[in-house]
Amino acid sequence: MQLTTSRARLLVLGAFALIAATPRRAAAQAWFYPSFQQPETVEREYNFAAVAASGADFVFQWREGIAPGSQFSVDAGLADPSGPSNTRLLLAGNYARELTRATPDQPVDVLLTVGAGIAPGGGVALLRIPLGVSVGHTFPLDGGLSVTPYVHPRVSVDAWTREHDSQRSYLSLDFDVGASLALTPEMALRGSFLFSGNSASSGTGFGLSLAIKPPGLKKR
């Protein structure tokens, strides 16, 4: 699915305008980690991530292509927020669709993302429904390497299963600034900063991950 240059630009600007208008104040965030989502879909990918953000998060992501330009992914992991022991289980599913790919006329890839997740722990769970766009561009390097810088802003509708810190539901904002360094066609290193409007965290975090595309398992 390809968009014209003007429509792609309007789409990106509209998404950023929506996010900028979202209230920044939010209650505690059940999980707090970058998406590590490049602005393109894959056939199959396993991503192993460690994150420092008001505690520590460890996440495994499985991305699977389901049609040209579309993918589904599953996140699973553990979060150990700072403070008293309140370890949370992280479970989420996400859908992504390529809106446009870079061409000689317009230089950016744009990927629409939408998901749903739950983080139970301590007798209460947080449900999240994030919507966003990942925007970036891939630059080839010497030696067969390439680097893809990207940003991934997301607006999320969040709701606790019962009242928590005097709140039950709210809107929150996450904003990733990251890059993926492709070492080979099957392996990449990723780093990402996360900026969040969540009041329970420091507001920032950083994560590193190893992404593997197993050649023996690729669909033909």
Protein backbone atom coordinates (compact mmCIF):
# COMPACT_ATOMS: atom_id res chain seq x y z
CA MET A 1 0.00 0.00 0.00
CA GLN A 2 1.61 3.22 -1.16
CA LEU A 3 0.61 6.80 -0.41
CA THR A 4 1.48 9.94 -2.32
CA THR A 5 4.18 12.16 -0.83
CA SER A 6 1.69 14.84 0.27
CA ARG A 7 -0.68 12.32 1.88
CA ALA A 8 2.19 10.61 3.71
CA ARG A 9 3.38 13.92 5.11
CA LEU A 10 -0.14 14.89 6.19
CA LEU A 11 -0.55 11.51 7.89
CA VAL A 12 2.66 11.90 9.89
CA LEU A 13 1.88 15.51 10.83
CA GLY A 14 -1.64 14.55 11.87
CA ALA A 15 -0.38 11.74 14.09
CA PHE A 16 2.11 14.04 15.80
CA ALA A 17 -0.58 16.70 16.28
CA LEU A 18 -2.86 14.16 17.94
CA ILE A 19 -0.08 13.04 20.26
CA ALA A 20 0.93 16.59 21.13
CA ALA A 21 -2.65 17.31 22.19
CA THR A 22 -2.81 14.29 24.51
CA PRO A 23 -2.71 15.01 28.29
CA ARG A 24 0.73 14.21 29.72
CA ARG A 25 -0.26 13.38 33.31
CA ALA A 26 -0.81 9.67 34.01
CA ALA A 27 -0.85 7.20 36.86
CA ALA A 28 1.66 4.41 37.31
CA GLN A 29 2.56 2.60 34.11
CA ALA A 30 2.47 -1.19 34.35
CA TRP A 31 5.23 -1.66 31.85
CA PHE A 32 7.71 0.93 30.67
CA TYR A 33 9.91 -0.10 27.74
CA PRO A 34 10.63 0.97 24.15
CA SER A 35 8.78 -0.78 21.34
CA PHE A 36 11.97 -1.51 19.34
CA GLN A 37 9.69 -1.26 16.30
CA GLN A 38 11.34 -0.25 13.02
CA PRO A 39 9.10 1.43 10.43
CA GLU A 40 8.82 -1.75 8.36
CA THR A 41 7.36 -5.23 8.69
CA VAL A 42 9.33 -8.49 8.71
CA GLU A 43 8.68 -12.11 7.73
CA ARG A 44 9.76 -13.38 11.14
CA GLU A 45 11.83 -11.90 13.94
CA TYR A 46 12.78 -12.70 17.53
CA ASN A 47 13.86 -9.71 19.63
CA PHE A 48 15.46 -10.01 23.08
CA ALA A 49 15.50 -6.75 25.07
CA ALA A 50 16.70 -5.40 28.41
CA VAL A 51 15.51 -1.98 29.59
CA ALA A 52 16.46 0.40 32.40
CA ALA A 53 13.47 2.64 33.19
CA SER A 54 12.43 3.26 36.80
CA GLY A 55 13.54 -0.30 37.45
CA ALA A 56 14.32 -3.08 35.00
CA ASP A 57 12.32 -4.77 32.24
CA PHE A 58 13.16 -7.93 30.32
CA VAL A 59 11.11 -8.53 27.18
CA PHE A 60 10.91 -11.09 24.37
CA GLN A 61 9.18 -10.01 21.15
CA TRP A 62 8.06 -12.34 18.36
CA ARG A 63 7.10 -10.59 15.12
CA GLU A 64 5.47 -12.55 12.30
CA GLY A 65 4.45 -11.39 8.82
CA ILE A 66 0.86 -12.31 8.00
CA ALA A 67 0.54 -10.63 4.57
CA PRO A 68 2.66 -8.32 2.42
CA GLY A 69 3.14 -5.13 4.43
CA SER A 70 1.40 -6.49 7.55
CA GLN A 71 2.63 -8.23 10.69
CA PHE A 72 1.43 -9.45 14.06
CA SER A 73 3.64 -9.55 17.13
CA VAL A 74 3.58 -10.84 20.70
CA ASP A 75 5.48 -9.36 23.67
CA ALA A 76 6.15 -11.35 26.84
CA GLY A 77 8.37 -10.46 29.77
CA LEU A 78 8.80 -9.26 33.32
CA ALA A 79 8.98 -5.77 34.83
CA ASP A 80 10.56 -5.00 38.20
CA PRO A 81 9.71 -1.36 38.97
CA SER A 82 11.72 0.57 41.55
CA GLY A 83 10.50 0.44 45.14
CA PRO A 84 8.88 -2.42 47.08
CA SER A 85 8.70 -5.80 45.40
CA ASN A 86 5.94 -5.54 42.79
CA THR A 87 7.14 -7.64 39.85
CA ARG A 88 4.70 -7.67 36.95
CA LEU A 89 4.10 -10.09 34.11
CA LEU A 90 4.02 -8.41 30.69
CA LEU A 91 1.80 -9.75 27.89
CA ALA A 92 0.83 -7.84 24.74
CA GLY A 93 -0.21 -8.32 21.14
CA ASN A 94 0.36 -5.82 18.34
CA TYR A 95 -0.62 -5.35 14.71
CA ALA A 96 1.43 -3.28 12.25
CA ARG A 97 0.71 -2.13 8.71
CA GLU A 98 3.07 -0.34 6.32
CA LEU A 99 1.48 2.92 5.20
CA THR A 100 4.27 3.96 2.86
CA ARG A 101 7.83 2.98 1.99
CA ALA A 102 10.69 5.33 1.13
CA THR A 103 10.99 6.30 -2.54
CA PRO A 104 13.12 8.78 -4.50
CA ASP A 105 10.27 11.29 -4.06
CA GLN A 106 9.83 10.94 -0.28
CA PRO A 107 12.53 9.57 2.07
CA VAL A 108 10.61 8.06 4.99
CA ASP A 109 9.04 4.72 5.84
CA VAL A 110 5.82 4.98 7.85
CA LEU A 111 4.32 2.09 9.84
CA LEU A 112 0.97 2.19 11.65
CA THR A 113 0.89 0.24 14.93
CA VAL A 114 -1.96 -0.74 17.25
CA GLY A 115 -1.94 -3.13 20.16
CA ALA A 116 -3.42 -4.36 23.42
CA GLY A 117 -1.64 -5.54 26.56
CA ILE A 118 -1.98 -6.44 30.19
CA ALA A 119 0.43 -6.24 33.12
CA PRO A 120 -0.87 -8.07 36.22
CA GLY A 121 0.87 -7.88 39.58
CA GLY A 122 0.25 -6.92 43.19
CA GLY A 123 -3.45 -7.75 43.01
CA VAL A 124 -4.19 -5.26 40.23
CA ALA A 125 -3.58 -5.24 36.48
CA LEU A 126 -3.16 -2.46 33.94
CA LEU A 127 -4.77 -2.82 30.52
CA ARG A 128 -3.36 -0.77 27.64
CA ILE A 129 -4.45 -0.05 24.04
CA PRO A 130 -1.68 1.93 22.26
CA LEU A 131 -1.93 3.52 18.80
CA GLY A 132 1.00 5.11 17.00
CA VAL A 133 3.23 5.45 13.96
CA SER A 134 6.86 4.45 13.52
CA VAL A 135 8.70 6.78 11.12
CA GLY A 136 12.28 6.39 9.89
CA HIS A 137 14.71 5.75 7.06
CA THR A 138 17.35 3.08 6.33
CA PHE A 139 20.87 4.22 5.39
CA PRO A 140 23.23 1.65 3.83
CA LEU A 141 26.78 1.56 5.24
CA ASP A 142 30.05 0.02 4.12
CA GLY A 143 30.61 -3.69 4.59
CA GLY A 144 26.99 -4.65 4.03
CA LEU A 145 25.82 -2.90 7.20
CA SER A 146 22.88 -0.53 7.44
CA VAL A 147 21.39 1.74 10.11
CA THR A 148 17.76 2.73 10.55
CA PRO A 149 17.06 5.69 12.84
CA TYR A 150 13.39 6.04 13.74
CA VAL A 151 10.86 7.63 16.07
CA HIS A 152 7.78 5.84 17.38
CA PRO A 153 5.21 8.05 19.18
CA ARG A 154 2.21 6.28 20.71
CA VAL A 155 -0.98 7.39 22.44
CA SER A 156 -2.37 4.78 24.84
CA VAL A 157 -5.74 4.31 26.50
CA ASP A 158 -4.87 2.80 29.91
CA ALA A 159 -7.20 1.33 32.54
CA TRP A 160 -6.59 -0.37 35.90
CA THR A 161 -8.77 -3.35 36.80
CA ARG A 162 -9.56 -1.47 40.03
CA GLU A 163 -8.76 1.99 41.36
CA HIS A 164 -5.01 2.51 41.72
CA ASP A 165 -3.34 5.66 43.07
CA SER A 166 -6.76 7.39 42.97
CA GLN A 167 -7.13 6.75 39.24
CA ARG A 168 -8.89 4.13 37.15
CA SER A 169 -8.37 5.11 33.50
CA TYR A 170 -6.49 7.78 31.55
CA LEU A 171 -4.60 8.61 28.35
CA SER A 172 -0.80 8.38 28.31
CA LEU A 173 1.99 9.11 25.84
CA ASP A 174 5.13 7.16 24.97
CA PHE A 175 7.71 8.44 22.50
CA ASP A 176 10.66 6.33 21.27
CA VAL A 177 13.80 7.65 19.62
CA GLY A 178 15.88 4.71 18.46
CA ALA A 179 18.11 3.13 15.84
CA SER A 180 18.66 -0.35 14.49
CA LEU A 181 22.11 -1.42 13.25
CA ALA A 182 21.83 -4.37 10.86
CA LEU A 183 25.03 -6.42 11.20
CA THR A 184 23.85 -9.09 8.76
CA PRO A 185 20.55 -9.78 6.99
CA GLU A 186 19.68 -12.04 9.95
CA MET A 187 20.91 -10.02 12.94
CA ALA A 188 20.60 -6.46 14.25
CA LEU A 189 21.43 -4.51 17.38
CA ARG A 190 18.90 -1.91 18.54
CA GLY A 191 19.03 0.91 21.03
CA SER A 192 16.16 3.16 21.99
CA PHE A 193 15.37 5.99 24.37
CA LEU A 194 11.84 6.15 25.73
CA PHE A 195 10.21 9.39 26.87
CA SER A 196 6.95 8.94 28.74
CA GLY A 197 4.29 11.13 30.32
CA ASN A 198 3.80 8.57 33.08
CA SER A 199 4.15 10.16 36.52
CA ALA A 200 5.17 6.93 38.30
CA SER A 201 8.37 6.55 36.32
CA SER A 202 11.38 8.79 35.83
CA GLY A 203 9.86 9.84 32.49
CA THR A 204 12.79 8.42 30.53
CA GLY A 205 14.32 5.03 29.89
CA PHE A 206 16.83 3.29 27.67
CA GLY A 207 16.82 -0.19 26.18
CA LEU A 208 19.11 -2.46 24.17
CA SER A 209 18.04 -5.47 22.16
CA LEU A 210 19.27 -8.19 19.84
CA ALA A 211 16.94 -8.94 16.91
CA ILE A 212 17.31 -12.25 15.04
CA LYS A 213 15.64 -13.27 11.79
CA PRO A 214 16.26 -17.04 11.65
CA PRO A 215 16.91 -17.89 7.97
CA GLY A 216 15.97 -21.53 8.43
CA LEU A 217 12.47 -20.60 9.58
CA LYS A 218 11.59 -17.98 7.00
CA LYS A 219 8.41 -18.65 5.09
CA ARG A 220 8.91 -19.24 1.39
